[in-house]
Amino acid sequence: MISSFGAATFHFIINPLSAYLFSPLLMIGTVLIATMIGTAGTGRIQISENIKE
């Protein structure tokens, strides 16, 4: 069905530098930033106040 639109075959070209270096670094950086934002307020939590509630 796709060949009727003119795309009979697909040739994927993989850029090794992007696939094996930039993408993993971007994912690691995103996870680290999200973790830092998510855990930024944990030092201000008083356990004794939360137990009372």
Protein backbone atom coordinates (compact mmCIF):
# COMPACT_ATOMS: atom_id res chain seq x y z
CA MET A 1 0.00 0.00 0.00
CA ILE A 2 2.83 2.40 0.78
CA SER A 3 4.49 1.62 -2.55
CA SER A 4 1.42 3.04 -4.33
CA PHE A 5 2.37 6.45 -2.86
CA GLY A 6 5.88 6.18 -4.30
CA ALA A 7 7.79 4.94 -1.27
CA ALA A 8 8.67 1.39 -2.24
CA THR A 9 11.67 1.03 0.08
CA PHE A 10 13.07 2.79 3.10
CA HIS A 11 16.76 3.33 3.78
CA PHE A 12 17.52 4.46 7.31
CA ILE A 13 20.80 6.28 7.86
CA ILE A 14 22.03 6.17 11.44
CA ASN A 15 24.32 8.88 12.71
CA PRO A 16 26.46 7.04 15.30
CA LEU A 17 27.53 10.22 17.09
CA SER A 18 23.94 11.29 17.62
CA ALA A 19 22.58 7.82 18.34
CA TYR A 20 25.24 6.67 20.79
CA LEU A 21 26.46 9.90 22.39
CA PHE A 22 24.07 12.86 22.18
CA SER A 23 20.80 11.02 22.73
CA PRO A 24 21.92 9.11 25.85
CA LEU A 25 23.52 12.25 27.31
CA LEU A 26 20.33 14.20 26.68
CA MET A 27 18.24 11.50 28.37
CA ILE A 28 20.59 11.32 31.38
CA GLY A 29 20.58 15.11 31.71
CA THR A 30 16.80 15.26 31.52
CA VAL A 31 16.41 12.60 34.21
CA LEU A 32 18.91 14.34 36.49
CA ILE A 33 17.19 17.70 36.12
CA ALA A 34 13.74 16.17 36.72
CA THR A 35 15.06 14.34 39.80
CA MET A 36 16.61 17.49 41.21
CA ILE A 37 13.39 19.45 40.69
CA GLY A 38 11.27 16.66 42.18
CA THR A 39 13.40 16.26 45.29
CA ALA A 40 14.22 19.92 45.89
CA GLY A 41 11.66 20.38 48.66
CA THR A 42 12.28 17.19 50.62
CA GLY A 43 14.66 18.87 53.07
CA ARG A 44 11.88 21.14 54.33
CA ILE A 45 9.52 18.32 55.29
CA GLN A 46 9.13 17.87 59.04
CA ILE A 47 8.43 14.23 59.81
CA SER A 48 6.87 14.99 63.19
CA GLU A 49 4.38 17.41 61.59
CA ASN A 50 3.37 14.86 58.96
CA ILE A 51 2.86 12.14 61.59
CA LYS A 52 0.41 14.38 63.49
CA GLU A 53 -1.80 14.86 60.43
